[in-house]
Amino acid sequence: MNMKEEMKKKILELVEEVLPQIDFTASNSLVDDGILDSISIVTLVSELSMEFDVVFDMNELEPADLNSLDAIAETVLRLQKQ
């Protein structure tokens, strides 16, 4: 299993706990379709920050960064390298 796949698995476990009402595997446009609202986004970013020790710059964060489980994993991995 590569790093991205491992990250996706960890993120899925985390979001199933903190945002169980949202199916992160069913959509590739979570933000664009309004599945993730502003409260969910703040919760998600906060949990990801604590769990993976990354800092999200809200001025640079784009909806595409959180639109899918793949995109979230890529974003977290990118932030870990900074």
Protein backbone atom coordinates (compact mmCIF):
# COMPACT_ATOMS: atom_id res chain seq x y z
CA MET A 1 0.00 0.00 0.00
CA ASN A 2 1.48 3.37 -0.98
CA MET A 3 1.58 6.49 1.18
CA LYS A 4 -1.51 8.03 -0.38
CA GLU A 5 -3.57 4.86 0.11
CA GLU A 6 -2.42 4.60 3.73
CA MET A 7 -3.29 8.26 4.29
CA LYS A 8 -6.74 7.78 2.75
CA LYS A 9 -7.39 4.85 5.09
CA LYS A 10 -6.34 6.87 8.16
CA ILE A 11 -8.40 9.87 7.08
CA LEU A 12 -11.45 7.72 6.40
CA GLU A 13 -11.23 6.21 9.89
CA LEU A 14 -10.95 9.72 11.36
CA VAL A 15 -13.85 11.25 9.42
CA GLU A 16 -16.12 8.30 10.10
CA GLU A 17 -15.72 9.14 13.79
CA VAL A 18 -16.01 12.94 13.68
CA LEU A 19 -18.38 13.39 10.72
CA PRO A 20 -20.31 10.09 10.55
CA GLN A 21 -23.23 11.71 8.71
CA ILE A 22 -21.05 12.32 5.64
CA ASP A 23 -20.08 9.54 3.23
CA PHE A 24 -16.60 10.59 2.10
CA THR A 25 -16.38 7.69 -0.35
CA ALA A 26 -19.56 8.48 -2.28
CA SER A 27 -18.62 11.83 -3.83
CA ASN A 28 -15.76 13.54 -5.61
CA SER A 29 -17.30 16.97 -5.10
CA LEU A 30 -17.96 17.14 -1.38
CA VAL A 31 -17.50 20.91 -1.21
CA ASP A 32 -18.87 21.79 -4.64
CA ASP A 33 -22.09 19.85 -4.02
CA GLY A 34 -22.57 21.32 -0.53
CA ILE A 35 -22.10 17.96 1.21
CA LEU A 36 -19.40 19.60 3.32
CA ASP A 37 -20.77 22.86 4.70
CA SER A 38 -18.72 25.51 6.48
CA ILE A 39 -19.13 23.88 9.90
CA SER A 40 -18.11 20.48 8.53
CA ILE A 41 -15.09 22.01 6.81
CA VAL A 42 -13.93 23.70 10.03
CA THR A 43 -14.40 20.42 11.93
CA LEU A 44 -12.57 18.45 9.24
CA VAL A 45 -9.64 20.88 9.01
CA SER A 46 -9.34 21.04 12.79
CA GLU A 47 -9.32 17.25 13.18
CA LEU A 48 -6.86 16.76 10.33
CA SER A 49 -4.57 19.41 11.80
CA MET A 50 -4.49 17.70 15.19
CA GLU A 51 -4.28 14.14 13.89
CA PHE A 52 -1.58 14.69 11.28
CA ASP A 53 0.23 17.69 12.78
CA VAL A 54 -0.30 19.94 9.77
CA VAL A 55 -1.29 23.58 9.43
CA PHE A 56 -3.93 24.60 6.92
CA ASP A 57 -3.64 28.15 5.61
CA MET A 58 -7.28 29.10 5.22
CA ASN A 59 -6.29 31.83 2.75
CA GLU A 60 -4.69 29.25 0.46
CA LEU A 61 -7.13 26.37 0.97
CA GLU A 62 -9.20 25.74 -2.14
CA PRO A 63 -12.51 23.82 -2.30
CA ALA A 64 -10.76 21.31 -4.58
CA ASP A 65 -8.40 20.45 -1.69
CA LEU A 66 -11.33 18.95 0.24
CA ASN A 67 -13.62 17.76 -2.56
CA SER A 68 -12.82 14.06 -2.20
CA LEU A 69 -11.03 11.58 -0.01
CA ASP A 70 -8.22 11.49 -2.61
CA ALA A 71 -7.90 15.28 -2.59
CA ILE A 72 -7.90 15.42 1.21
CA ALA A 73 -5.15 12.79 1.38
CA GLU A 74 -3.08 14.63 -1.22
CA THR A 75 -3.53 17.91 0.67
CA VAL A 76 -2.47 16.40 4.01
CA LEU A 77 0.57 14.70 2.44
CA ARG A 78 1.57 17.98 0.75
CA LEU A 79 1.23 19.89 4.02
CA GLN A 80 3.31 17.31 5.88
CA LYS A 81 6.19 17.98 3.48
CA GLN A 82 6.18 21.74 4.14
